Protein backbone atom coordinates (compact mmCIF):
# COMPACT_ATOMS: atom_id res chain seq x y z
CA MET A 1 -7.31 11.16 39.69
CA LYS A 2 -6.33 8.28 37.68
CA ASN A 3 -9.94 7.29 37.20
CA LEU A 4 -10.83 10.81 36.13
CA PHE A 5 -8.12 10.74 33.53
CA LEU A 6 -9.24 7.47 32.05
CA TYR A 7 -12.90 8.77 32.04
CA LEU A 8 -11.91 11.98 30.35
CA LEU A 9 -9.92 9.93 27.69
CA LEU A 10 -12.81 7.67 27.07
CA ILE A 11 -15.04 10.70 26.63
CA SER A 12 -12.69 12.41 24.14
CA GLN A 13 -12.19 9.17 22.11
CA THR A 14 -16.05 9.15 21.93
CA ILE A 15 -16.37 12.71 20.65
CA LEU A 16 -13.53 12.06 18.17
CA PHE A 17 -15.23 8.96 16.61
CA SER A 18 -18.51 10.79 16.67
CA GLN A 19 -17.12 13.76 14.81
CA LYS A 20 -15.21 11.60 12.29
CA GLY A 21 -18.25 9.50 11.48
CA LEU A 22 -16.71 6.45 12.83
CA ASP A 23 -18.46 3.82 15.14
CA ARG A 24 -16.32 3.27 18.31
CA ASN A 25 -18.04 0.03 18.71
CA THR A 26 -16.82 -1.26 15.31
CA ILE A 27 -13.43 -2.76 14.23
CA TYR A 28 -12.29 -1.42 10.87
CA LEU A 29 -10.00 -3.27 8.50
CA LEU A 30 -8.08 -1.81 5.64
CA ILE A 31 -6.62 -4.44 3.21
CA LYS A 32 -3.99 -2.91 1.13
CA MET A 33 -2.28 -4.38 -1.80
CA ASP A 34 1.20 -2.90 -2.80
CA ASP A 35 3.19 -3.02 -6.14
CA VAL A 36 0.21 -3.67 -8.35
CA GLY A 37 1.35 -3.18 -12.09
CA MET A 38 5.01 -4.29 -11.02
CA CYS A 39 4.59 -7.21 -13.28
CA HIS A 40 1.84 -9.44 -14.74
CA ALA A 41 1.97 -11.99 -11.93
CA ALA A 42 1.36 -9.15 -9.51
CA ASN A 43 -1.76 -8.24 -11.36
CA LEU A 44 -2.92 -11.83 -11.45
CA GLY A 45 -2.71 -12.10 -7.76
CA ALA A 46 -4.37 -8.64 -7.14
CA GLU A 47 -7.29 -9.50 -9.33
CA LYS A 48 -8.05 -12.58 -7.31
CA VAL A 49 -8.35 -10.45 -4.24
CA MET A 50 -10.54 -7.80 -6.03
CA GLN A 51 -12.75 -10.57 -7.13
CA THR A 52 -13.71 -11.35 -3.54
CA GLY A 53 -15.86 -8.19 -3.67
CA MET A 54 -14.48 -6.83 -0.41
CA PRO A 55 -13.60 -3.12 -0.34
CA VAL A 56 -9.92 -3.34 -0.89
CA ASN A 57 -6.98 -0.92 -1.92
CA ALA A 58 -4.54 -1.27 -4.70
CA GLY A 59 -1.34 0.80 -4.96
CA LEU A 60 -0.29 1.12 -8.45
CA GLN A 61 3.43 1.43 -9.46
CA VAL A 62 3.41 3.80 -12.37
CA PRO A 63 6.77 3.39 -13.76
CA CYS A 64 6.53 -0.36 -14.11
CA SER A 65 5.79 -2.33 -17.40
CA TRP A 66 2.50 -3.73 -16.43
CA TYR A 67 0.92 -0.53 -15.03
CA PRO A 68 -1.34 -0.10 -18.10
CA GLU A 69 -2.93 -3.51 -17.30
CA ALA A 70 -3.35 -2.62 -13.52
CA VAL A 71 -5.24 0.54 -14.80
CA GLU A 72 -7.63 -1.74 -16.58
CA LEU A 73 -8.17 -4.03 -13.73
CA VAL A 74 -9.09 -1.39 -11.24
CA LYS A 75 -11.56 0.08 -13.71
CA LYS A 76 -13.28 -3.23 -13.57
CA TYR A 77 -13.78 -3.34 -9.99
CA PRO A 78 -15.82 -0.64 -8.16
CA ASN A 79 -14.83 -2.08 -4.73
CA VAL A 80 -11.33 -1.07 -5.22
CA ALA A 81 -9.78 2.22 -4.02
CA VAL A 82 -6.82 3.19 -6.05
CA GLY A 83 -3.57 4.32 -4.52
CA LEU A 84 -0.67 5.89 -5.96
CA HIS A 85 2.25 3.64 -4.90
CA MET A 86 5.02 5.98 -5.90
CA ALA A 87 8.29 4.21 -6.74
CA ILE A 88 11.67 5.94 -7.10
CA ASN A 89 13.87 2.77 -6.54
CA ALA A 90 13.97 -0.39 -8.51
CA GLU A 91 15.00 -3.14 -6.03
CA TRP A 92 15.04 -6.33 -8.19
CA LYS A 93 17.96 -7.88 -9.82
CA ASN A 94 17.71 -7.85 -13.66
CA TYR A 95 14.30 -6.13 -13.49
CA LYS A 96 14.46 -2.44 -13.39
CA TRP A 97 12.25 0.52 -14.34
CA ARG A 98 13.21 4.04 -15.19
CA PRO A 99 11.71 7.53 -14.14
CA VAL A 100 8.46 8.51 -15.77
CA ALA A 101 9.95 11.94 -16.25
CA GLY A 102 12.94 10.63 -18.17
CA PHE A 103 16.15 9.69 -16.57
CA GLN A 104 18.05 12.82 -18.28
CA ASN A 105 15.69 15.11 -16.33
CA VAL A 106 16.26 13.64 -12.79
CA PRO A 107 19.84 12.68 -12.60
CA SER A 108 20.07 12.38 -8.86
CA LEU A 109 17.44 9.52 -8.82
CA VAL A 110 18.96 7.11 -11.31
CA ASP A 111 22.22 4.98 -11.68
CA LYS A 112 24.65 5.11 -14.60
CA GLN A 113 22.44 3.04 -16.82
CA GLY A 114 19.37 5.51 -16.21
CA TYR A 115 17.40 3.13 -14.04
CA PHE A 116 16.20 3.87 -10.49
CA HIS A 117 18.81 2.82 -7.95
CA HIS A 118 18.73 -0.81 -6.73
CA GLU A 119 19.20 0.15 -2.96
CA ASN A 120 16.65 1.10 -0.58
CA LEU A 121 16.04 4.93 -0.57
CA TRP A 122 17.36 5.17 2.84
CA TRP A 123 21.04 4.52 1.72
CA TRP A 124 21.09 7.34 -0.94
CA LYS A 125 18.54 9.80 0.16
CA ASP A 126 21.06 12.55 1.14
CA SER A 127 22.06 12.61 -2.57
CA ILE A 128 18.66 13.30 -3.94
CA LYS A 129 17.83 16.91 -5.13
CA LYS A 130 14.57 18.23 -4.27
CA GLU A 131 13.82 19.47 -7.88
CA ASP A 132 14.40 16.00 -9.19
CA LEU A 133 12.03 14.24 -6.60
CA GLU A 134 9.27 16.66 -7.17
CA ARG A 135 9.63 16.65 -10.89
CA GLU A 136 9.35 12.56 -11.00
CA LEU A 137 6.41 12.63 -8.49
CA ALA A 138 4.58 15.15 -10.59
CA ALA A 139 5.29 12.98 -13.80
CA GLN A 140 3.79 9.94 -12.08
CA ALA A 141 0.84 11.83 -10.90
CA GLN A 142 0.31 13.33 -14.44
CA ALA A 143 0.36 9.66 -15.90
CA VAL A 144 -2.38 8.70 -13.44
CA LYS A 145 -4.56 11.71 -14.39
CA LEU A 146 -4.07 10.82 -18.08
CA SER A 147 -5.50 7.21 -17.32
CA GLY A 148 -8.67 8.55 -15.98
CA ILE A 149 -8.76 6.80 -12.81
CA GLN A 150 -9.63 8.31 -9.39
CA VAL A 151 -6.66 8.30 -6.71
CA ASP A 152 -7.81 7.63 -3.31
CA TYR A 153 -4.50 7.47 -1.40
CA VAL A 154 -0.85 8.26 -1.79
CA GLU A 155 2.17 6.54 -0.42
CA GLY A 156 5.79 5.72 -1.09
CA HIS A 157 7.09 2.45 -2.31
CA MET A 158 9.31 0.83 0.32
CA GLY A 159 8.54 3.54 2.75
CA SER A 160 10.04 6.36 0.49
CA SER A 161 7.37 8.81 1.52
CA ARG A 162 8.49 8.81 5.26
CA THR A 163 12.29 8.97 4.68
CA THR A 164 12.92 12.61 5.59
CA PRO A 165 10.64 15.67 5.95
CA MET A 166 11.48 16.75 2.23
CA PHE A 167 9.95 13.62 1.10
CA MET A 168 6.94 13.75 3.36
CA GLU A 169 6.29 17.21 2.06
CA ALA A 170 6.62 16.23 -1.62
CA TYR A 171 4.28 13.23 -1.29
CA GLU A 172 1.84 15.14 0.70
CA LYS A 173 1.73 17.69 -2.07
CA ILE A 174 0.73 15.04 -4.55
CA ALA A 175 -2.00 13.78 -2.02
CA LYS A 176 -3.48 17.31 -1.90
CA GLU A 177 -3.51 17.60 -5.54
CA PHE A 178 -5.56 14.43 -5.86
CA ASN A 179 -7.53 15.28 -2.64
CA ALA A 180 -6.50 11.81 -1.46
CA MET A 181 -5.44 10.30 1.79
CA MET A 182 -2.00 9.61 3.04
CA THR A 183 -1.55 6.17 4.43
CA GLY A 184 -0.62 6.03 7.90
CA TYR A 185 -1.86 9.41 8.78
CA ASN A 186 -5.19 8.21 9.89
CA GLY A 187 -4.68 6.39 13.05
CA GLU A 188 -4.11 3.06 11.45
CA LYS A 189 -2.67 0.15 13.52
CA ARG A 190 -0.65 -2.12 11.29
CA LEU A 191 -1.29 -5.78 10.98
CA SER A 192 1.03 -8.38 9.36
CA PHE A 193 1.88 -12.03 8.92
CA LYS A 194 4.91 -14.03 7.94
CA ASN A 195 4.43 -15.91 4.65
CA THR A 196 6.78 -18.85 4.99
CA THR A 197 3.90 -21.36 4.57
CA TYR A 198 0.24 -20.86 3.83
CA GLU A 199 -0.69 -22.83 6.94
CA GLU A 200 1.61 -20.90 9.16
CA ALA A 201 0.44 -17.53 7.65
CA LEU A 202 -3.11 -18.32 7.96
CA ARG A 203 -2.79 -19.37 11.56
CA GLU A 204 -0.92 -16.14 12.45
CA ILE A 205 -3.33 -13.69 10.86
CA LEU A 206 -6.38 -15.41 12.38
CA ALA A 207 -4.88 -15.44 15.77
CA LYS A 208 -4.21 -11.63 15.46
CA MET A 209 -7.61 -10.88 14.08
CA ASP A 210 -9.34 -12.63 17.04
CA THR A 211 -7.74 -10.07 19.17
CA LEU A 212 -8.68 -6.86 17.53
CA LYS A 213 -10.27 -4.20 19.50
CA LYS A 214 -13.41 -2.16 18.57
CA GLY A 215 -12.79 1.67 17.84
CA ASN A 216 -9.60 0.90 15.78
CA ILE A 217 -8.65 1.05 12.08
CA TYR A 218 -6.32 -1.85 11.33
CA LEU A 219 -4.13 -1.74 8.13
CA LEU A 220 -3.14 -5.14 6.66
CA THR A 221 -0.67 -4.76 3.71
CA ILE A 222 -0.04 -7.53 1.29
CA HIS A 223 2.03 -7.95 -1.80
CA PRO A 224 -0.15 -9.92 -4.39
CA GLY A 225 1.43 -12.29 -6.86
CA ALA A 226 1.14 -15.76 -8.52
CA VAL A 227 3.52 -18.58 -9.01
CA THR A 228 4.44 -17.95 -12.60
CA ASP A 229 7.89 -18.19 -14.34
CA GLU A 230 7.80 -14.42 -14.59
CA MET A 231 7.56 -13.99 -10.84
CA LYS A 232 9.77 -17.06 -10.01
CA ALA A 233 12.52 -15.24 -11.84
CA LEU A 234 12.45 -12.37 -9.53
CA ALA A 235 15.26 -12.08 -7.01
CA LEU A 236 16.74 -9.27 -4.96
CA ASP A 237 20.28 -10.55 -5.22
CA ASP A 238 22.41 -13.36 -6.33
CA LYS A 239 21.65 -15.56 -3.33
CA GLU A 240 20.05 -18.99 -4.51
CA SER A 241 17.65 -18.88 -1.42
CA HIS A 242 15.77 -16.09 -2.88
CA GLN A 243 15.05 -17.82 -6.22
CA GLU A 244 11.31 -18.61 -6.48
CA SER A 245 10.63 -17.62 -2.93
CA ILE A 246 9.27 -14.19 -4.07
CA ALA A 247 6.46 -15.79 -6.13
CA ARG A 248 5.74 -18.40 -3.33
CA GLU A 249 5.36 -15.74 -0.67
CA ARG A 250 3.20 -13.40 -2.70
CA ASP A 251 0.94 -16.27 -3.82
CA ILE A 252 0.42 -17.08 -0.16
CA ASP A 253 -0.55 -13.40 0.53
CA VAL A 254 -3.23 -13.85 -1.91
CA GLN A 255 -4.38 -17.21 -0.74
CA VAL A 256 -4.82 -16.04 2.92
CA ILE A 257 -6.93 -13.08 2.04
CA CYS A 258 -9.07 -15.05 -0.39
CA SER A 259 -9.53 -18.13 2.15
CA PRO A 260 -12.87 -19.13 3.61
CA GLU A 261 -11.27 -18.99 7.12
CA PHE A 262 -10.18 -15.38 6.67
CA LYS A 263 -13.78 -14.51 5.55
CA ALA A 264 -15.16 -16.48 8.47
CA MET A 265 -12.96 -14.41 10.97
CA ILE A 266 -14.22 -11.39 9.51
CA GLU A 267 -17.87 -12.45 10.07
CA LYS A 268 -17.12 -13.91 13.76
CA LYS A 269 -15.51 -10.63 14.87
CA LYS A 270 -18.02 -8.46 12.89
CA ILE A 271 -15.08 -6.77 11.24
CA LYS A 272 -16.01 -3.86 8.82
CA VAL A 273 -13.74 -4.07 5.82
CA ILE A 274 -13.21 -0.69 4.34
CA ASN A 275 -11.09 0.95 1.74
CA TYR A 276 -9.50 4.49 1.74
CA ARG A 277 -12.33 5.96 -0.41
CA GLU A 278 -14.64 4.93 2.47
CA VAL A 279 -12.20 6.18 5.27
CA LYS A 280 -12.12 9.64 3.34
CA GLU A 281 -15.93 9.79 3.34
CA LEU A 282 -15.91 8.92 7.20
CA THR A 283 -13.10 10.94 8.51
CA GLY A 284 -12.36 13.71 5.86
CA ILE A 285 -8.85 14.35 4.99
CA SER A 286 -6.16 15.50 7.27
CA TYR A 287 -2.37 16.19 6.61
CA ALA A 288 -1.48 16.42 10.16
CA ARG A 289 1.46 13.92 10.50
CA PRO A 290 1.11 11.33 13.16
């Protein structure tokens, strides 16, 4: 009975991949860059990854100051699938952004100064009004439409799209509007590495990549950056240990992805690097939550 179950499971997986246009003998890898447009240094790091020519994903933060530059960047690189990385919080100390809809129009999303809240959404989710959330997401979506770029996937900054069913529905509505993918809805298996030092980060991700299995889609999310005065000034709080570490860690993310060792492992394992635009072409779009 156990052998029969395993056989039927294998057959069902084969049929699933055949129907979706995926090759069950291939390892698929999605490389996703978050927070693009957050600041100039984030864009500098993101462009280095774009310049590799690999099909990659860039999630743009519309409310941020350097979003217009990010738009110009993704227009230059046809290998980049564009994501709407929707932000409704502003986590940095002394670097803030306000709602695209106008802070007066979405009062439950902002603090006393009209900025998005500092804390992770989880801590204040119950105070958010549905109409404010939908109004802000619609404003961010409209801004992207005006920029003339294609949106290939939608997600929430710092996991906001998965906070509650209300949030999931609101983000799914935007994805349907763009005929775009929702990240995490496609059976992606997540990859990560710690970025305390470049050597440790590279060693960790190479070891993980060497164990990847055929027939799976893996998602590796990074936060691009560069060691500049701008990014070195970013901190989450007053703790001295945070100062300059953000820039170093985000620069390491970029170095790892752009390294010859990372490329060599892709070739060794015959990994197919794809972006969400290609996933959409291969699988179609489903909004069935995992």
